[in-house]
C-alpha atoms as a PDB file:
ATOM      1  CA  MET A   1     -12.347 -17.463  -4.712  1.00  0.00           C
ATOM      2  CA  SER A   2      -8.548 -16.888  -5.412  1.00  0.00           C
ATOM      3  CA  VAL A   3      -9.265 -15.509  -8.991  1.00  0.00           C
ATOM      4  CA  ILE A   4     -11.510 -12.834  -7.511  1.00  0.00           C
ATOM      5  CA  ALA A   5      -9.166 -12.077  -4.478  1.00  0.00           C
ATOM      6  CA  PHE A   6      -5.975 -11.686  -6.415  1.00  0.00           C
ATOM      7  CA  PRO A   7      -6.333  -7.955  -7.439  1.00  0.00           C
ATOM      8  CA  ILE A   8      -6.923  -6.968  -4.036  1.00  0.00           C
ATOM      9  CA  TYR A   9      -5.057  -9.670  -2.012  1.00  0.00           C
ATOM     10  CA  PRO A  10      -2.503 -11.378  -4.212  1.00  0.00           C
ATOM     11  CA  GLU A  11      -0.746 -13.393  -1.451  1.00  0.00           C
ATOM     12  CA  VAL A  12      -3.721 -14.790   0.151  1.00  0.00           C
ATOM     13  CA  ALA A  13      -4.963 -15.493  -3.236  1.00  0.00           C
ATOM     14  CA  LYS A  14      -1.816 -17.394  -4.168  1.00  0.00           C
ATOM     15  CA  GLU A  15      -1.719 -19.332  -0.893  1.00  0.00           C
ATOM     16  CA  SER A  16      -5.278 -20.664  -1.457  1.00  0.00           C
ATOM     17  CA  PHE A  17      -4.774 -21.425  -5.173  1.00  0.00           C
ATOM     18  CA  TYR A  18      -1.809 -23.587  -3.967  1.00  0.00           C
ATOM     19  CA  LEU A  19      -4.197 -25.569  -1.500  1.00  0.00           C
ATOM     20  CA  MET A  20      -5.451 -27.304  -4.733  1.00  0.00           C
ATOM     21  CA  PHE A  21      -2.165 -29.188  -5.094  1.00  0.00           C
ATOM     22  CA  LYS A  22      -0.420 -31.723  -2.871  1.00  0.00           C
ATOM     23  CA  THR A  23       3.236 -31.110  -1.584  1.00  0.00           C
ATOM     24  CA  GLU A  24       5.747 -33.985  -1.264  1.00  0.00           C
ATOM     25  CA  ASP A  25       6.813 -32.505   2.087  1.00  0.00           C
ATOM     26  CA  GLY A  26       3.827 -30.012   3.070  1.00  0.00           C
ATOM     27  CA  THR A  27       5.738 -26.867   2.640  1.00  0.00           C
ATOM     28  CA  ARG A  28       5.864 -24.056   0.101  1.00  0.00           C
ATOM     29  CA  VAL A  29       8.729 -21.421  -0.323  1.00  0.00           C
ATOM     30  CA  PHE A  30       7.771 -17.894  -1.641  1.00  0.00           C
ATOM     31  CA  GLU A  31      10.498 -15.529  -2.404  1.00  0.00           C
ATOM     32  CA  ASP A  32       8.583 -12.322  -1.821  1.00  0.00           C
ATOM     33  CA  ASP A  33       9.297  -9.510   0.654  1.00  0.00           C
ATOM     34  CA  PHE A  34       5.516  -8.350   0.663  1.00  0.00           C
ATOM     35  CA  PHE A  35       5.450  -8.893   4.449  1.00  0.00           C
ATOM     36  CA  MET A  36       7.858  -6.331   5.068  1.00  0.00           C
ATOM     37  CA  GLY A  37       5.098  -3.576   4.340  1.00  0.00           C
ATOM     38  CA  SER A  38       3.401  -4.683   7.431  1.00  0.00           C
ATOM     39  CA  GLU A  39       3.706  -2.414  10.529  1.00  0.00           C
ATOM     40  CA  ARG A  40       3.158  -5.386  12.791  1.00  0.00           C
ATOM     41  CA  ILE A  41       5.871  -7.335  11.238  1.00  0.00           C
ATOM     42  CA  ARG A  42       8.299  -4.528  11.317  1.00  0.00           C
ATOM     43  CA  LEU A  43       7.593  -3.770  14.930  1.00  0.00           C
ATOM     44  CA  ALA A  44       8.211  -7.529  15.625  1.00  0.00           C
ATOM     45  CA  LEU A  45      11.378  -7.419  13.940  1.00  0.00           C
ATOM     46  CA  LYS A  46      12.406  -4.345  16.142  1.00  0.00           C
ATOM     47  CA  ASN A  47      11.256  -6.048  19.239  1.00  0.00           C
ATOM     48  CA  LYS A  48      12.789  -9.281  18.390  1.00  0.00           C
ATOM     49  CA  LYS A  49       9.442 -11.310  18.616  1.00  0.00           C
ATOM     50  CA  SER A  50       8.970 -14.520  16.951  1.00  0.00           C
ATOM     51  CA  LYS A  51       5.243 -14.563  16.672  1.00  0.00           C
ATOM     52  CA  VAL A  52       2.862 -12.298  15.160  1.00  0.00           C
ATOM     53  CA  THR A  53      -0.893 -12.253  15.332  1.00  0.00           C
ATOM     54  CA  TRP A  54      -3.673 -10.016  13.811  1.00  0.00           C
ATOM     55  CA  SER A  55      -7.311  -9.818  14.942  1.00  0.00           C
ATOM     56  CA  GLY A  56     -10.463 -10.732  12.776  1.00  0.00           C
ATOM     57  CA  SER A  57     -11.408  -7.149  12.674  1.00  0.00           C
ATOM     58  CA  GLU A  58      -8.046  -6.546  10.764  1.00  0.00           C
ATOM     59  CA  TYR A  59      -9.241  -8.263   7.902  1.00  0.00           C
ATOM     60  CA  LEU A  60     -11.750  -5.707   6.818  1.00  0.00           C
ATOM     61  CA  LEU A  61     -11.040  -4.066   3.432  1.00  0.00           C
ATOM     62  CA  GLY A  62      -9.511  -0.835   3.885  1.00  0.00           C
ATOM     63  CA  ASN A  63      -7.429  -1.844   6.896  1.00  0.00           C
ATOM     64  CA  LYS A  64      -3.778  -0.963   6.072  1.00  0.00           C
ATOM     65  CA  GLU A  65      -3.190  -4.456   7.770  1.00  0.00           C
ATOM     66  CA  SER A  66      -5.957  -6.545   5.972  1.00  0.00           C
ATOM     67  CA  ARG A  67      -3.517  -7.923   3.203  1.00  0.00           C
ATOM     68  CA  TYR A  68      -1.127  -9.043   5.854  1.00  0.00           C
ATOM     69  CA  ALA A  69      -3.553 -10.266   8.414  1.00  0.00           C
ATOM     70  CA  LEU A  70      -5.493 -12.476   5.574  1.00  0.00           C
ATOM     71  CA  ALA A  71      -2.160 -14.036   4.368  1.00  0.00           C
ATOM     72  CA  LEU A  72       0.022 -14.385   7.526  1.00  0.00           C
ATOM     73  CA  ASN A  73      -2.378 -14.870  10.442  1.00  0.00           C
ATOM     74  CA  PRO A  74      -0.751 -16.159  12.773  1.00  0.00           C
ATOM     75  CA  CYS A  75       2.863 -16.547  11.678  1.00  0.00           C
ATOM     76  CA  SER A  76       6.371 -17.262  12.785  1.00  0.00           C
ATOM     77  CA  LEU A  77       9.030 -14.611  12.400  1.00  0.00           C
ATOM     78  CA  LYS A  78      12.823 -15.700  11.689  1.00  0.00           C
ATOM     79  CA  VAL A  79      15.948 -13.796  11.007  1.00  0.00           C
ATOM     80  CA  LYS A  80      19.183 -15.461   9.730  1.00  0.00           C
ATOM     81  CA  GLU A  81      21.929 -12.997   9.995  1.00  0.00           C
ATOM     82  CA  PHE A  82      24.414 -13.049   6.918  1.00  0.00           C
ATOM     83  CA  GLU A  83      27.578 -10.721   6.404  1.00  0.00           C
ATOM     84  CA  ASP A  84      25.811  -8.438   3.970  1.00  0.00           C
ATOM     85  CA  PHE A  85      22.195  -9.007   4.502  1.00  0.00           C
ATOM     86  CA  ASN A  86      19.812 -10.589   6.809  1.00  0.00           C
ATOM     87  CA  GLU A  87      17.236 -13.244   5.498  1.00  0.00           C
ATOM     88  CA  VAL A  88      13.805 -12.642   6.954  1.00  0.00           C
ATOM     89  CA  SER A  89      11.040 -15.303   6.763  1.00  0.00           C
ATOM     90  CA  VAL A  90       7.797 -15.630   7.853  1.00  0.00           C
ATOM     91  CA  GLU A  91       6.211 -19.320   8.252  1.00  0.00           C
ATOM     92  CA  VAL A  92       2.389 -19.684   8.322  1.00  0.00           C
ATOM     93  CA  PRO A  93       0.095 -22.677   8.340  1.00  0.00           C
ATOM     94  CA  VAL A  94      -2.036 -22.588   5.170  1.00  0.00           C
ATOM     95  CA  THR A  95      -5.444 -24.391   6.334  1.00  0.00           C
ATOM     96  CA  TYR A  96      -8.751 -23.356   7.002  1.00  0.00           C
ATOM     97  CA  PRO A  97     -10.375 -23.697  10.788  1.00  0.00           C
ATOM     98  CA  LYS A  98     -13.018 -26.145  11.499  1.00  0.00           C
ATOM     99  CA  LYS A  99     -15.357 -22.936  12.254  1.00  0.00           C
ATOM    100  CA  SER A 100     -14.620 -19.381  11.769  1.00  0.00           C
ATOM    101  CA  ARG A 101     -16.291 -16.475   9.614  1.00  0.00           C
ATOM    102  CA  ALA A 102     -13.972 -14.022   8.192  1.00  0.00           C
ATOM    103  CA  VAL A 103     -15.659 -10.596   7.581  1.00  0.00           C
ATOM    104  CA  LEU A 104     -13.888  -8.876   4.652  1.00  0.00           C
ATOM    105  CA  LEU A 105     -16.233  -5.899   4.121  1.00  0.00           C
ATOM    106  CA  LYS A 106     -19.059  -4.482   6.361  1.00  0.00           C
ATOM    107  CA  VAL A 107     -20.444  -1.371   4.277  1.00  0.00           C
ATOM    108  CA  PRO A 108     -22.329  -0.805   1.884  1.00  0.00           C
ATOM    109  CA  PHE A 109     -23.161  -4.361   2.484  1.00  0.00           C
ATOM    110  CA  GLU A 110     -21.508  -7.470   4.185  1.00  0.00           C
ATOM    111  CA  ILE A 111     -19.075  -9.741   2.463  1.00  0.00           C
ATOM    112  CA  ALA A 112     -17.920 -12.754   4.746  1.00  0.00           C
ATOM    113  CA  VAL A 113     -16.390 -16.053   3.787  1.00  0.00           C
ATOM    114  CA  GLU A 114     -17.178 -18.953   6.161  1.00  0.00           C
ATOM    115  CA  GLU A 115     -13.972 -20.807   6.357  1.00  0.00           C
ATOM    116  CA  GLY A 116     -15.468 -23.940   7.602  1.00  0.00           C
ATOM    117  CA  LEU A 117     -16.659 -24.581   4.270  1.00  0.00           C
ATOM    118  CA  PHE A 118     -13.060 -24.694   3.052  1.00  0.00           C
ATOM    119  CA  HIS A 119     -12.295 -26.931   6.012  1.00  0.00           C
ATOM    120  CA  TYR A 120     -14.564 -29.411   4.940  1.00  0.00           C
ATOM    121  CA  LEU A 121     -13.049 -29.547   1.486  1.00  0.00           C
ATOM    122  CA  GLN A 122      -9.596 -30.093   3.274  1.00  0.00           C
ATOM    123  CA  SER A 123     -11.005 -32.999   5.161  1.00  0.00           C
ATOM    124  CA  GLU A 124     -12.472 -34.632   1.874  1.00  0.00           C
ATOM    125  CA  ARG A 125      -8.997 -34.014   0.622  1.00  0.00           C
ATOM    126  CA  TRP A 126     -10.179 -31.806  -2.177  1.00  0.00           C
ATOM    127  CA  LEU A 127      -7.800 -29.141  -0.454  1.00  0.00           C
ATOM    128  CA  HIS A 128      -4.454 -29.701   0.960  1.00  0.00           C
ATOM    129  CA  ALA A 129      -3.097 -27.891   3.956  1.00  0.00           C
ATOM    130  CA  TYR A 130       0.739 -26.810   3.955  1.00  0.00           C
ATOM    131  CA  ASN A 131       3.029 -24.549   5.766  1.00  0.00           C
ATOM    132  CA  ALA A 132       4.072 -21.491   3.702  1.00  0.00           C
ATOM    133  CA  THR A 133       7.374 -19.608   4.288  1.00  0.00           C
ATOM    134  CA  TRP A 134       7.925 -16.209   2.679  1.00  0.00           C
ATOM    135  CA  LYS A 135      11.630 -15.213   2.503  1.00  0.00           C
ATOM    136  CA  ALA A 136      12.958 -11.779   1.729  1.00  0.00           C
ATOM    137  CA  ARG A 137      16.436 -10.537   1.911  1.00  0.00           C
ATOM    138  CA  VAL A 138      16.993  -7.226   3.614  1.00  0.00           C
ATOM    139  CA  LYS A 139      20.321  -5.164   3.478  1.00  0.00           C
ATOM    140  CA  ASN A 140      22.152  -4.690   6.854  1.00  0.00           C
END
């Protein structure tokens, strides 16, 4: 799934790939500013919000927020202020729900992922949930 998703959704593909490997402390940190392309993230920063969510309908291919929604839903937003820059980070639990169906495409045919199947692999310890933190430096 990660290989097929990578050209369209590289961040969620990366998160999914790393589910195959245990971490010592249950976290992974990625230095990448991709999330700053999200209108929803930029609006949350402007309004000093600490939580960002997307609806399932925003997962659809072609939606301008789908890349962010799939990789980050839901996420916590933090800003650390430094003299010359701010460090902006989003933290997201990378885990699959027990029962959820994510529709990625409706036309010309439906493509959906039953996330509960991946949850089962987590419960059998074939996949290992973790918290991902995406970090970026933003000039003041």
